PDB file of N, CA and C in Angstrom:
ATOM      1  N   UNK A   1       0.856  -1.158  -0.071  1.00  0.00           N
ATOM      2  CA  UNK A   1      -0.016   0.012  -0.020  1.00  0.00           C
ATOM      3  C   UNK A   1       0.892   1.264   0.002  1.00  0.00           C
ATOM      4  N   UNK A   2       0.700   2.166  -0.946  1.00  0.00           N
ATOM      5  CA  UNK A   2       1.538   3.300  -1.017  1.00  0.00           C
ATOM      6  C   UNK A   2       1.316   4.296   0.072  1.00  0.00           C
ATOM      7  N   UNK A   3       2.394   4.892   0.555  1.00  0.00           N
ATOM      8  CA  UNK A   3       2.187   5.885   1.669  1.00  0.00           C
ATOM      9  C   UNK A   3       2.209   7.330   1.060  1.00  0.00           C
ATOM     10  N   UNK A   4       1.314   8.104   1.547  1.00  0.00           N
ATOM     11  CA  UNK A   4       1.227   9.466   1.176  1.00  0.00           C
ATOM     12  C   UNK A   4       2.182  10.344   1.969  1.00  0.00           C
ATOM     13  N   UNK A   5       2.843  11.305   1.320  1.00  0.00           N
ATOM     14  CA  UNK A   5       3.750  12.146   2.043  1.00  0.00           C
ATOM     15  C   UNK A   5       2.925  13.245   2.637  1.00  0.00           C
ATOM     16  N   UNK A   6       3.411  13.960   3.654  1.00  0.00           N
ATOM     17  CA  UNK A   6       2.651  14.968   4.343  1.00  0.00           C
ATOM     18  C   UNK A   6       2.192  16.123   3.309  1.00  0.00           C
ATOM     19  N   UNK A   7       3.126  16.326   2.332  1.00  0.00           N
ATOM     20  CA  UNK A   7       2.788  17.348   1.335  1.00  0.00           C
ATOM     21  C   UNK A   7       1.511  16.860   0.520  1.00  0.00           C
ATOM     22  N   UNK A   8       1.494  15.586   0.172  1.00  0.00           N
ATOM     23  CA  UNK A   8       0.319  15.011  -0.587  1.00  0.00           C
ATOM     24  C   UNK A   8      -0.919  15.032   0.218  1.00  0.00           C
ATOM     25  N   UNK A   9      -0.808  14.728   1.453  1.00  0.00           N
ATOM     26  CA  UNK A   9      -1.979  14.862   2.349  1.00  0.00           C
ATOM     27  C   UNK A   9      -2.502  16.190   2.572  1.00  0.00           C
ATOM     28  N   UNK A  10      -1.560  17.149   2.730  1.00  0.00           N
ATOM     29  CA  UNK A  10      -1.918  18.586   2.803  1.00  0.00           C
ATOM     30  C   UNK A  10      -2.572  19.073   1.557  1.00  0.00           C
ATOM     31  N   UNK A  11      -2.155  18.610   0.405  1.00  0.00           N
ATOM     32  CA  UNK A  11      -2.705  19.031  -0.834  1.00  0.00           C
ATOM     33  C   UNK A  11      -4.163  18.484  -0.952  1.00  0.00           C
ATOM     34  N   UNK A  12      -4.379  17.241  -0.647  1.00  0.00           N
ATOM     35  CA  UNK A  12      -5.653  16.608  -0.753  1.00  0.00           C
ATOM     36  C   UNK A  12      -6.587  17.278   0.218  1.00  0.00           C
ATOM     37  N   UNK A  13      -6.124  17.575   1.469  1.00  0.00           N
ATOM     38  CA  UNK A  13      -6.961  18.145   2.495  1.00  0.00           C
ATOM     39  C   UNK A  13      -7.407  19.663   2.014  1.00  0.00           C
ATOM     40  N   UNK A  14      -6.451  20.335   1.480  1.00  0.00           N
ATOM     41  CA  UNK A  14      -6.813  21.661   0.936  1.00  0.00           C
ATOM     42  C   UNK A  14      -7.804  21.645  -0.169  1.00  0.00           C
ATOM     43  N   UNK A  15      -7.679  20.647  -1.031  1.00  0.00           N
ATOM     44  CA  UNK A  15      -8.655  20.516  -2.137  1.00  0.00           C
ATOM     45  C   UNK A  15     -10.054  20.128  -1.529  1.00  0.00           C
ATOM     46  N   UNK A  16     -10.087  19.332  -0.479  1.00  0.00           N
ATOM     47  CA  UNK A  16     -11.356  18.978   0.110  1.00  0.00           C
ATOM     48  C   UNK A  16     -12.040  20.170   0.735  1.00  0.00           C
ATOM     49  N   UNK A  17     -11.153  21.046   1.433  1.00  0.00           N
ATOM     50  CA  UNK A  17     -11.663  22.253   2.122  1.00  0.00           C
ATOM     51  C   UNK A  17     -12.273  23.179   1.103  1.00  0.00           C
ATOM     52  N   UNK A  18     -11.463  23.435  -0.030  1.00  0.00           N
ATOM     53  CA  UNK A  18     -11.921  24.350  -1.024  1.00  0.00           C
ATOM     54  C   UNK A  18     -13.215  23.900  -1.640  1.00  0.00           C
ATOM     55  N   UNK A  19     -13.267  22.657  -2.019  1.00  0.00           N
ATOM     56  CA  UNK A  19     -14.498  22.087  -2.615  1.00  0.00           C
ATOM     57  C   UNK A  19     -15.712  22.115  -1.749  1.00  0.00           C
ATOM     58  N   UNK A  20     -15.442  21.858  -0.413  1.00  0.00           N
ATOM     59  CA  UNK A  20     -16.567  21.843   0.528  1.00  0.00           C
ATOM     60  C   UNK A  20     -17.162  23.297   0.658  1.00  0.00           C
ATOM     61  N   UNK A  21     -16.220  24.212   0.724  1.00  0.00           N
ATOM     62  CA  UNK A  21     -16.745  25.662   0.811  1.00  0.00           C
ATOM     63  C   UNK A  21     -17.508  26.054  -0.428  1.00  0.00           C
ATOM     64  N   UNK A  22     -17.087  25.570  -1.584  1.00  0.00           N
ATOM     65  CA  UNK A  22     -17.811  25.840  -2.897  1.00  0.00           C
ATOM     66  C   UNK A  22     -19.177  25.238  -2.783  1.00  0.00           C
ATOM     67  N   UNK A  23     -19.306  23.977  -2.333  1.00  0.00           N
ATOM     68  CA  UNK A  23     -20.578  23.331  -2.210  1.00  0.00           C
ATOM     69  C   UNK A  23     -21.509  24.053  -1.256  1.00  0.00           C
ATOM     70  N   UNK A  24     -20.903  24.805  -0.275  1.00  0.00           N
ATOM     71  CA  UNK A  24     -21.650  25.643   0.655  1.00  0.00           C
ATOM     72  C   UNK A  24     -22.065  27.007   0.034  1.00  0.00           C
ATOM     73  N   UNK A  25     -21.605  27.308  -1.114  1.00  0.00           N
ATOM     74  CA  UNK A  25     -21.936  28.570  -1.737  1.00  0.00           C
ATOM     75  C   UNK A  25     -21.044  29.668  -1.398  1.00  0.00           C
ATOM     76  N   UNK A  26     -19.841  29.331  -0.941  1.00  0.00           N
ATOM     77  CA  UNK A  26     -18.826  30.422  -0.592  1.00  0.00           C
ATOM     78  C   UNK A  26     -17.436  29.897  -1.110  1.00  0.00           C
ATOM     79  N   UNK A  27     -16.414  30.526  -0.714  1.00  0.00           N
ATOM     80  CA  UNK A  27     -15.152  30.135  -1.133  1.00  0.00           C
ATOM     81  C   UNK A  27     -14.234  30.029   0.196  1.00  0.00           C
ATOM     82  N   UNK A  28     -13.107  29.325  -0.006  1.00  0.00           N
ATOM     83  CA  UNK A  28     -12.131  29.275   1.169  1.00  0.00           C
ATOM     84  C   UNK A  28     -11.668  30.649   1.543  1.00  0.00           C
ATOM     85  N   UNK A  29     -11.332  31.444   0.551  1.00  0.00           N
ATOM     86  CA  UNK A  29     -10.744  32.791   0.753  1.00  0.00           C
ATOM     87  C   UNK A  29     -11.836  33.700   1.493  1.00  0.00           C
ATOM     88  N   UNK A  30     -13.122  33.640   1.029  1.00  0.00           N
ATOM     89  CA  UNK A  30     -14.203  34.362   1.618  1.00  0.00           C
ATOM     90  C   UNK A  30     -14.416  33.965   3.034  1.00  0.00           C
ATOM     91  N   UNK A  31     -14.294  32.708   3.333  1.00  0.00           N
ATOM     92  CA  UNK A  31     -14.550  32.238   4.688  1.00  0.00           C
ATOM     93  C   UNK A  31     -13.425  32.719   5.574  1.00  0.00           C
ATOM     94  N   UNK A  32     -12.137  32.625   5.090  1.00  0.00           N
ATOM     95  CA  UNK A  32     -10.992  33.066   5.915  1.00  0.00           C
ATOM     96  C   UNK A  32     -11.201  34.606   6.269  1.00  0.00           C
ATOM     97  N   UNK A  33     -11.589  35.438   5.271  1.00  0.00           N
ATOM     98  CA  UNK A  33     -11.694  36.815   5.399  1.00  0.00           C
ATOM     99  C   UNK A  33     -12.816  37.089   6.425  1.00  0.00           C
ATOM    100  N   UNK A  34     -13.983  36.395   6.329  1.00  0.00           N
ATOM    101  CA  UNK A  34     -15.092  36.578   7.137  1.00  0.00           C
ATOM    102  C   UNK A  34     -14.743  36.235   8.574  1.00  0.00           C
ATOM    103  N   UNK A  35     -13.716  35.504   8.779  1.00  0.00           N
ATOM    104  CA  UNK A  35     -13.286  35.129  10.103  1.00  0.00           C
ATOM    105  C   UNK A  35     -12.125  35.983  10.634  1.00  0.00           C
ATOM    106  N   UNK A  36     -11.700  36.985   9.762  1.00  0.00           N
ATOM    107  CA  UNK A  36     -10.674  37.844  10.062  1.00  0.00           C
ATOM    108  C   UNK A  36      -9.224  37.121  10.067  1.00  0.00           C
ATOM    109  N   UNK A  37      -9.161  36.029   9.201  1.00  0.00           N
ATOM    110  CA  UNK A  37      -7.906  35.249   9.096  1.00  0.00           C
ATOM    111  C   UNK A  37      -7.245  35.526   7.695  1.00  0.00           C
ATOM    112  N   UNK A  38      -6.005  35.497   7.717  1.00  0.00           N
ATOM    113  CA  UNK A  38      -5.196  35.602   6.524  1.00  0.00           C
ATOM    114  C   UNK A  38      -5.187  34.205   5.889  1.00  0.00           C
ATOM    115  N   UNK A  39      -5.782  34.127   4.621  1.00  0.00           N
ATOM    116  CA  UNK A  39      -5.870  32.841   3.918  1.00  0.00           C
ATOM    117  C   UNK A  39      -4.525  32.095   3.849  1.00  0.00           C
ATOM    118  N   UNK A  40      -3.415  32.845   3.677  1.00  0.00           N
ATOM    119  CA  UNK A  40      -2.111  32.087   3.526  1.00  0.00           C
ATOM    120  C   UNK A  40      -1.766  31.459   4.902  1.00  0.00           C
ATOM    121  N   UNK A  41      -2.086  32.090   5.976  1.00  0.00           N
ATOM    122  CA  UNK A  41      -1.744  31.491   7.294  1.00  0.00           C
ATOM    123  C   UNK A  41      -2.627  30.205   7.584  1.00  0.00           C
ATOM    124  N   UNK A  42      -3.902  30.378   7.200  1.00  0.00           N
ATOM    125  CA  UNK A  42      -4.824  29.250   7.370  1.00  0.00           C
ATOM    126  C   UNK A  42      -4.332  28.098   6.453  1.00  0.00           C
ATOM    127  N   UNK A  43      -3.830  28.371   5.301  1.00  0.00           N
ATOM    128  CA  UNK A  43      -3.304  27.320   4.377  1.00  0.00           C
ATOM    129  C   UNK A  43      -2.054  26.589   5.070  1.00  0.00           C
ATOM    130  N   UNK A  44      -1.236  27.383   5.790  1.00  0.00           N
ATOM    131  CA  UNK A  44      -0.142  26.770   6.401  1.00  0.00           C
ATOM    132  C   UNK A  44      -0.654  25.865   7.549  1.00  0.00           C
ATOM    133  N   UNK A  45      -1.783  26.297   8.194  1.00  0.00           N
ATOM    134  CA  UNK A  45      -2.336  25.388   9.247  1.00  0.00           C
ATOM    135  C   UNK A  45      -2.857  24.106   8.730  1.00  0.00           C
ATOM    136  N   UNK A  46      -3.485  24.234   7.499  1.00  0.00           N
ATOM    137  CA  UNK A  46      -4.027  23.056   6.844  1.00  0.00           C
ATOM    138  C   UNK A  46      -2.956  22.092   6.437  1.00  0.00           C
ATOM    139  N   UNK A  47      -1.894  22.662   5.895  1.00  0.00           N
ATOM    140  CA  UNK A  47      -0.772  21.864   5.429  1.00  0.00           C
ATOM    141  C   UNK A  47       0.012  21.283   6.582  1.00  0.00           C
ATOM    142  N   UNK A  48      -0.065  21.793   7.765  1.00  0.00           N
ATOM    143  CA  UNK A  48       0.643  21.323   8.914  1.00  0.00           C
ATOM    144  C   UNK A  48       1.905  21.991   9.162  1.00  0.00           C
ATOM    145  N   UNK A  49       2.295  22.997   8.348  1.00  0.00           N
ATOM    146  CA  UNK A  49       3.518  23.665   8.552  1.00  0.00           C
ATOM    147  C   UNK A  49       3.483  24.713   9.606  1.00  0.00           C
ATOM    148  N   UNK A  50       2.270  25.077   9.982  1.00  0.00           N
ATOM    149  CA  UNK A  50       2.032  25.914  11.191  1.00  0.00           C
ATOM    150  C   UNK A  50       1.408  25.001  12.229  1.00  0.00           C
ATOM    151  N   UNK A  51       2.180  24.253  12.956  1.00  0.00           N
ATOM    152  CA  UNK A  51       1.652  23.132  13.814  1.00  0.00           C
ATOM    153  C   UNK A  51       1.607  23.378  15.256  1.00  0.00           C
ATOM    154  N   UNK A  52       1.802  24.625  15.664  1.00  0.00           N
ATOM    155  CA  UNK A  52       1.750  24.982  17.140  1.00  0.00           C
ATOM    156  C   UNK A  52       0.261  25.045  17.553  1.00  0.00           C
ATOM    157  N   UNK A  53       0.012  25.358  18.779  1.00  0.00           N
ATOM    158  CA  UNK A  53      -1.285  25.365  19.413  1.00  0.00           C
ATOM    159  C   UNK A  53      -2.262  26.221  18.567  1.00  0.00           C
ATOM    160  N   UNK A  54      -1.806  27.451  18.176  1.00  0.00           N
ATOM    161  CA  UNK A  54      -2.715  28.339  17.493  1.00  0.00           C
ATOM    162  C   UNK A  54      -3.054  27.819  16.088  1.00  0.00           C
ATOM    163  N   UNK A  55      -1.993  27.246  15.398  1.00  0.00           N
ATOM    164  CA  UNK A  55      -2.144  26.653  14.041  1.00  0.00           C
ATOM    165  C   UNK A  55      -3.111  25.496  14.108  1.00  0.00           C
ATOM    166  N   UNK A  56      -3.024  24.631  15.116  1.00  0.00           N
ATOM    167  CA  UNK A  56      -3.850  23.487  15.234  1.00  0.00           C
ATOM    168  C   UNK A  56      -5.263  23.899  15.467  1.00  0.00           C
ATOM    169  N   UNK A  57      -5.473  24.963  16.300  1.00  0.00           N
ATOM    170  CA  UNK A  57      -6.794  25.473  16.632  1.00  0.00           C
ATOM    171  C   UNK A  57      -7.349  26.011  15.277  1.00  0.00           C
ATOM    172  N   UNK A  58      -6.653  26.742  14.551  1.00  0.00           N
ATOM    173  CA  UNK A  58      -7.195  27.293  13.287  1.00  0.00           C
ATOM    174  C   UNK A  58      -7.513  26.159  12.335  1.00  0.00           C
ATOM    175  N   UNK A  59      -6.681  25.187  12.287  1.00  0.00           N
ATOM    176  CA  UNK A  59      -6.900  24.039  11.440  1.00  0.00           C
ATOM    177  C   UNK A  59      -8.245  23.361  11.790  1.00  0.00           C
ATOM    178  N   UNK A  60      -8.393  23.120  13.103  1.00  0.00           N
ATOM    179  CA  UNK A  60      -9.610  22.482  13.572  1.00  0.00           C
ATOM    180  C   UNK A  60     -10.898  23.389  13.227  1.00  0.00           C
ATOM    181  N   UNK A  61     -10.746  24.663  13.292  1.00  0.00           N
ATOM    182  CA  UNK A  61     -11.915  25.548  12.986  1.00  0.00           C
ATOM    183  C   UNK A  61     -12.243  25.502  11.573  1.00  0.00           C
ATOM    184  N   UNK A  62     -11.297  25.583  10.634  1.00  0.00           N
ATOM    185  CA  UNK A  62     -11.565  25.632   9.167  1.00  0.00           C
ATOM    186  C   UNK A  62     -12.152  24.217   8.768  1.00  0.00           C
ATOM    187  N   UNK A  63     -11.569  23.136   9.314  1.00  0.00           N
ATOM    188  CA  UNK A  63     -12.114  21.841   8.943  1.00  0.00           C
ATOM    189  C   UNK A  63     -13.491  21.620   9.451  1.00  0.00           C
ATOM    190  N   UNK A  64     -13.814  22.159  10.573  1.00  0.00           N
ATOM    191  CA  UNK A  64     -15.165  22.077  11.098  1.00  0.00           C
ATOM    192  C   UNK A  64     -16.115  22.864  10.320  1.00  0.00           C
ATOM    193  N   UNK A  65     -15.732  24.123   9.918  1.00  0.00           N
ATOM    194  CA  UNK A  65     -16.601  24.954   9.133  1.00  0.00           C
ATOM    195  C   UNK A  65     -16.747  24.376   7.714  1.00  0.00           C
ATOM    196  N   UNK A  66     -15.795  23.724   7.227  1.00  0.00           N
ATOM    197  CA  UNK A  66     -15.849  23.143   5.875  1.00  0.00           C
ATOM    198  C   UNK A  66     -16.613  21.777   5.962  1.00  0.00           C
ATOM    199  N   UNK A  67     -16.654  21.161   7.100  1.00  0.00           N
ATOM    200  CA  UNK A  67     -17.344  19.849   7.210  1.00  0.00           C
ATOM    201  C   UNK A  67     -16.477  18.695   6.696  1.00  0.00           C
ATOM    202  N   UNK A  68     -15.145  18.943   6.851  1.00  0.00           N
ATOM    203  CA  UNK A  68     -14.152  17.903   6.369  1.00  0.00           C
ATOM    204  C   UNK A  68     -13.506  17.208   7.564  1.00  0.00           C
ATOM    205  N   UNK A  69     -13.355  15.917   7.449  1.00  0.00           N
ATOM    206  CA  UNK A  69     -12.721  15.153   8.433  1.00  0.00           C
ATOM    207  C   UNK A  69     -11.178  15.246   8.357  1.00  0.00           C
ATOM    208  N   UNK A  70     -10.521  15.343   9.587  1.00  0.00           N
ATOM    209  CA  UNK A  70      -9.117  15.704   9.554  1.00  0.00           C
ATOM    210  C   UNK A  70      -8.406  14.280   9.372  1.00  0.00           C
ATOM    211  N   UNK A  71      -7.834  14.088   8.141  1.00  0.00           N
ATOM    212  CA  UNK A  71      -7.217  12.768   7.780  1.00  0.00           C
ATOM    213  C   UNK A  71      -6.006  12.538   8.599  1.00  0.00           C
ATOM    214  N   UNK A  72      -5.299  13.572   9.137  1.00  0.00           N
ATOM    215  CA  UNK A  72      -4.138  13.381   9.977  1.00  0.00           C
ATOM    216  C   UNK A  72      -4.526  12.762  11.268  1.00  0.00           C
ATOM    217  N   UNK A  73      -5.646  13.178  11.831  1.00  0.00           N
ATOM    218  CA  UNK A  73      -6.038  12.506  13.143  1.00  0.00           C
ATOM    219  C   UNK A  73      -6.561  11.105  12.827  1.00  0.00           C
ATOM    220  N   UNK A  74      -7.213  10.866  11.774  1.00  0.00           N
ATOM    221  CA  UNK A  74      -7.759   9.568  11.428  1.00  0.00           C
ATOM    222  C   UNK A  74      -6.629   8.570  11.222  1.00  0.00           C
ATOM    223  N   UNK A  75      -5.476   9.071  10.695  1.00  0.00           N
ATOM    224  CA  UNK A  75      -4.371   8.189  10.506  1.00  0.00           C
ATOM    225  C   UNK A  75      -3.608   7.863  11.748  1.00  0.00           C
ATOM    226  N   UNK A  76      -3.646   8.724  12.697  1.00  0.00           N
ATOM    227  CA  UNK A  76      -2.899   8.537  13.968  1.00  0.00           C
ATOM    228  C   UNK A  76      -3.535   7.465  14.902  1.00  0.00           C
TER     229      UNK A  76
END
């Protein structure tokens, strides 16, 4: 069974988040701005490159709003 790299998992998760927001009638960027968050920082949290407590909290918030399951937690 092939293993996905963290970058591949981050890319897949970002695609799921973007798609989910589109299905909700908004966009990832619009949601970030409505929350007062910089989309590039939120992207870092999604990819896991901003992995401290604040980054993890932002990641959880965006995944919850998008209705996307956190694949990193599921794999752990």
